Amino acid sequence: MIERLNALKQALVSLQLSPHQVLLVSDAQETGKEPHSIGANIFLCASGQAVPFACGVETANKGLTVIVETDCRGACSKDFLNAANRNHNITVLVHQDKQEALDPVSAAITARAGFVARGCASRTDQLADLIAQGIKHNGFSLIEIIHAESDHPISDLPEDYDPTNWGKAEEISRQKATIHIGTIYLNEDKRIIKDDSLVGQEVDRSALMNIINTYG
């Protein structure tokens, strides 16, 4: 757990993000009070609620860097897939402590998410770089973090691997004999649903009063 926390801190420092610029949303029970160690804005949700909450915040305030910590169940929910399809500009960190039937990496690639990667908690520098890349990506990003020792060997992606090849990414994500880490899929052509932040916009008070009076 300390390794993944250090990797996240290292990524935020490398991007020169101040604590007030970051919101960390978590519904992963195994993280406990870890988010409090970051020093940024935090919000702890009930299980499965972090992704939709983060999407709402990101829609309202585009100036915040919104990061989600969740587990496999939260990452494979319909809210997760909706966020990937709509390309909300959030970074989702999925904690994988054991081999699960649910596969968030494959789910994100199937949804043609903008940035999909897998890292290993024990490789702090590499994981920090993947998290930083995910945050910098303009759109939805997912990084699966493997913690426990796997029954299968862990290997870096081949040097000639092309993450923009959707078919190859699908194939790599479903391989079980070897778990590949690195940037598995990159889709920079996916459009952002909306660039304007709701925070700071002028309010049409007369229109608002008309709505209030209508439902009076």
Protein backbone atom coordinates (compact mmCIF):
# COMPACT_ATOMS: atom_id res chain seq x y z
CA MET A 1 0.00 0.00 0.00
CA ILE A 2 2.87 2.37 0.77
CA GLU A 3 4.29 1.82 -2.73
CA ARG A 4 1.10 2.86 -4.54
CA LEU A 5 0.72 5.89 -2.27
CA ASN A 6 4.29 6.94 -3.01
CA ALA A 7 3.70 6.47 -6.73
CA LEU A 8 0.62 8.72 -6.63
CA LYS A 9 2.48 11.40 -4.66
CA GLN A 10 5.41 11.17 -7.07
CA ALA A 11 3.09 11.62 -10.05
CA LEU A 12 1.41 14.70 -8.55
CA VAL A 13 4.77 16.26 -7.71
CA SER A 14 6.11 15.59 -11.22
CA LEU A 15 3.09 17.40 -12.67
CA GLN A 16 3.60 20.29 -10.22
CA LEU A 17 0.01 20.06 -9.01
CA SER A 18 -0.78 21.87 -5.77
CA PRO A 19 -3.04 20.12 -3.20
CA HIS A 20 -5.91 22.55 -3.84
CA GLN A 21 -5.90 21.56 -7.54
CA VAL A 22 -6.52 17.87 -6.82
CA LEU A 23 -9.62 15.96 -5.69
CA LEU A 24 -9.17 12.35 -4.64
CA VAL A 25 -12.43 10.35 -4.60
CA SER A 26 -12.34 6.87 -3.08
CA ASP A 27 -14.74 3.99 -2.52
CA ALA A 28 -12.07 1.29 -2.24
CA GLN A 29 -12.42 -0.16 1.24
CA GLU A 30 -8.89 -1.55 1.36
CA THR A 31 -7.36 1.93 1.04
CA GLY A 32 -8.77 2.87 4.45
CA LYS A 33 -7.56 6.34 5.38
CA GLU A 34 -4.79 6.39 2.78
CA PRO A 35 -6.28 9.35 0.85
CA HIS A 36 -5.77 11.53 3.94
CA SER A 37 -2.00 11.09 3.50
CA ILE A 38 -2.01 12.91 0.16
CA GLY A 39 -2.93 16.32 1.59
CA ALA A 40 -5.30 17.12 -1.30
CA ASN A 41 -9.08 17.50 -1.34
CA ILE A 42 -10.70 14.14 -0.57
CA PHE A 43 -14.15 12.59 -0.66
CA LEU A 44 -14.90 9.09 0.62
CA CYS A 45 -17.91 7.38 -0.99
CA ALA A 46 -19.95 4.29 -0.35
CA SER A 47 -18.87 1.26 -2.36
CA GLY A 48 -19.43 1.71 -6.09
CA GLN A 49 -20.21 5.44 -5.89
CA ALA A 50 -16.81 7.04 -6.54
CA VAL A 51 -16.94 7.12 -10.36
CA PRO A 52 -20.38 8.82 -10.76
CA PHE A 53 -19.51 11.33 -8.01
CA ALA A 54 -16.19 12.13 -9.70
CA CYS A 55 -17.94 12.62 -13.07
CA GLY A 56 -20.31 15.12 -11.48
CA VAL A 57 -17.46 17.10 -9.94
CA GLU A 58 -15.48 17.06 -13.19
CA THR A 59 -18.50 18.32 -15.11
CA ALA A 60 -19.01 21.17 -12.66
CA ASN A 61 -15.38 22.20 -12.24
CA LYS A 62 -12.99 21.55 -15.12
CA GLY A 63 -10.20 23.23 -13.16
CA LEU A 64 -9.85 20.31 -10.75
CA THR A 65 -7.70 17.25 -11.36
CA VAL A 66 -10.09 14.46 -10.36
CA ILE A 67 -8.63 11.08 -9.39
CA VAL A 68 -10.69 8.03 -8.40
CA GLU A 69 -9.53 5.11 -6.26
CA THR A 70 -11.75 2.06 -6.59
CA ASP A 71 -11.69 -1.73 -6.78
CA CYS A 72 -12.58 -4.16 -9.58
CA ARG A 73 -16.27 -4.21 -8.74
CA GLY A 74 -16.51 -0.43 -8.89
CA ALA A 75 -14.42 -0.31 -12.05
CA CYS A 76 -16.63 -2.76 -13.96
CA SER A 77 -19.94 -1.12 -13.06
CA LYS A 78 -22.25 0.55 -15.58
CA ASP A 79 -21.21 3.96 -14.17
CA PHE A 80 -17.59 3.16 -14.99
CA LEU A 81 -18.48 2.17 -18.56
CA ASN A 82 -20.64 5.28 -18.98
CA ALA A 83 -17.76 7.47 -17.81
CA ALA A 84 -15.40 5.79 -20.29
CA ASN A 85 -17.89 6.09 -23.15
CA ARG A 86 -18.65 9.74 -22.39
CA ASN A 87 -14.91 10.40 -21.94
CA HIS A 88 -15.10 12.32 -18.67
CA ASN A 89 -11.73 13.85 -17.86
CA ILE A 90 -11.02 11.76 -14.74
CA THR A 91 -8.25 9.32 -13.83
CA VAL A 92 -9.39 6.01 -12.32
CA LEU A 93 -6.92 3.95 -10.27
CA VAL A 94 -8.14 0.38 -9.85
CA HIS A 95 -6.61 -1.60 -6.99
CA GLN A 96 -6.11 -5.25 -7.85
CA ASP A 97 -5.04 -7.19 -4.74
CA LYS A 98 -5.94 -10.61 -6.12
CA GLN A 99 -6.97 -12.26 -9.34
CA GLU A 100 -10.59 -11.31 -10.01
CA ALA A 101 -13.07 -12.58 -12.56
CA LEU A 102 -13.83 -8.94 -13.40
CA ASP A 103 -11.29 -7.35 -15.74
CA PRO A 104 -11.39 -3.53 -15.74
CA VAL A 105 -8.61 -3.21 -18.34
CA SER A 106 -10.50 -5.30 -20.90
CA ALA A 107 -13.74 -3.47 -20.07
CA ALA A 108 -12.11 -0.06 -20.61
CA ILE A 109 -10.52 -1.14 -23.91
CA THR A 110 -13.84 -2.56 -25.13
CA ALA A 111 -15.39 0.85 -24.35
CA ARG A 112 -12.51 2.43 -26.34
CA ALA A 113 -11.47 4.55 -23.35
CA GLY A 114 -8.89 7.24 -24.02
CA PHE A 115 -6.00 5.89 -21.91
CA VAL A 116 -5.70 2.41 -20.41
CA ALA A 117 -2.64 1.14 -18.56
CA ARG A 118 -1.56 -1.43 -16.01
CA GLY A 119 1.20 -0.98 -13.43
CA CYS A 120 2.76 -2.88 -10.56
CA ALA A 121 2.86 -1.32 -7.09
CA SER A 122 6.38 -2.63 -6.45
CA ARG A 123 7.70 -0.72 -9.50
CA THR A 124 7.13 2.73 -8.02
CA ASP A 125 8.84 4.88 -10.65
CA GLN A 126 7.13 3.15 -13.57
CA LEU A 127 3.74 3.30 -11.84
CA ALA A 128 4.21 7.00 -11.04
CA ASP A 129 4.97 7.69 -14.70
CA LEU A 130 1.83 5.80 -15.82
CA ILE A 131 -0.34 7.73 -13.33
CA ALA A 132 1.17 11.02 -14.54
CA GLN A 133 0.45 10.07 -18.16
CA GLY A 134 -3.12 9.21 -17.24
CA ILE A 135 -3.63 12.54 -15.48
CA LYS A 136 -2.14 14.48 -18.42
CA HIS A 137 -4.37 12.66 -20.90
CA ASN A 138 -7.28 14.91 -21.90
CA GLY A 139 -10.15 12.53 -21.24
CA PHE A 140 -10.95 9.34 -19.36
CA SER A 141 -7.98 7.30 -18.16
CA LEU A 142 -7.68 4.05 -16.24
CA ILE A 143 -4.64 2.55 -14.53
CA GLU A 144 -4.96 -0.88 -12.97
CA ILE A 145 -2.53 -1.33 -10.07
CA ILE A 146 -1.43 -4.87 -9.28
CA HIS A 147 -0.42 -5.36 -5.64
CA ALA A 148 -0.29 -9.00 -4.65
CA GLU A 149 2.08 -11.53 -6.15
CA SER A 150 0.42 -13.05 -9.19
CA ASP A 151 0.29 -16.70 -10.18
CA HIS A 152 1.43 -15.55 -13.63
CA PRO A 153 4.65 -13.77 -14.64
CA ILE A 154 4.59 -9.97 -14.97
CA SER A 155 6.29 -8.50 -18.03
CA ASP A 156 6.73 -5.12 -19.71
CA LEU A 157 5.06 -4.68 -23.06
CA PRO A 158 7.27 -5.39 -26.11
CA GLU A 159 9.34 -2.41 -27.28
CA ASP A 160 7.59 -2.38 -30.67
CA TYR A 161 4.10 -2.53 -29.13
CA ASP A 162 1.65 0.02 -30.56
CA PRO A 163 -0.95 1.11 -27.94
CA THR A 164 -3.11 2.78 -30.62
CA ASN A 165 -3.89 -0.64 -32.15
CA TRP A 166 -7.27 -1.46 -30.59
CA GLY A 167 -7.32 -5.07 -31.72
CA LYS A 168 -3.86 -5.78 -30.32
CA ALA A 169 -4.77 -4.05 -27.08
CA GLU A 170 -7.83 -6.30 -26.74
CA GLU A 171 -5.64 -9.34 -27.31
CA ILE A 172 -2.96 -8.26 -24.80
CA SER A 173 -5.51 -7.39 -22.11
CA ARG A 174 -7.07 -10.84 -22.24
CA GLN A 175 -3.83 -12.81 -22.03
CA LYS A 176 -3.61 -14.77 -18.78
CA ALA A 177 -0.32 -16.63 -19.21
CA THR A 178 1.60 -13.34 -18.82
CA ILE A 179 0.38 -10.09 -17.24
CA HIS A 180 1.69 -7.16 -19.28
CA ILE A 181 2.28 -3.77 -17.69
CA GLY A 182 2.59 -0.39 -19.36
CA THR A 183 0.32 1.71 -21.59
CA ILE A 184 -1.95 -0.89 -23.19
CA TYR A 185 -4.37 1.30 -25.12
CA LEU A 186 -4.31 4.93 -26.24
CA ASN A 187 -7.21 6.57 -28.06
CA GLU A 188 -6.42 10.25 -28.54
CA ASP A 189 -9.17 10.75 -31.13
CA LYS A 190 -12.01 10.33 -28.63
CA ARG A 191 -13.85 13.62 -28.13
CA ILE A 192 -14.39 15.31 -24.78
CA ILE A 193 -18.11 15.73 -24.06
CA LYS A 194 -17.76 19.35 -22.93
CA ASP A 195 -14.84 21.66 -22.23
CA ASP A 196 -16.71 24.44 -20.41
CA SER A 197 -16.80 24.40 -16.61
CA LEU A 198 -20.05 25.18 -14.80
CA VAL A 199 -18.08 26.95 -12.07
CA GLY A 200 -17.83 30.67 -12.79
CA GLN A 201 -20.60 30.80 -15.39
CA GLU A 202 -23.15 33.60 -15.28
CA VAL A 203 -26.56 32.59 -13.91
CA ASP A 204 -29.66 33.74 -15.78
CA ARG A 205 -31.68 34.59 -12.67
CA SER A 206 -34.87 35.48 -14.56
CA ALA A 207 -34.88 32.08 -16.27
CA LEU A 208 -34.16 30.44 -12.93
CA MET A 209 -37.11 32.25 -11.30
CA ASN A 210 -39.39 31.15 -14.16
CA ILE A 211 -38.44 27.53 -13.50
CA ILE A 212 -39.02 27.96 -9.76
CA ASN A 213 -42.40 29.59 -10.34
CA THR A 214 -43.41 26.85 -12.80
CA TYR A 215 -42.91 24.15 -10.19
CA GLY A 216 -43.85 26.59 -7.41
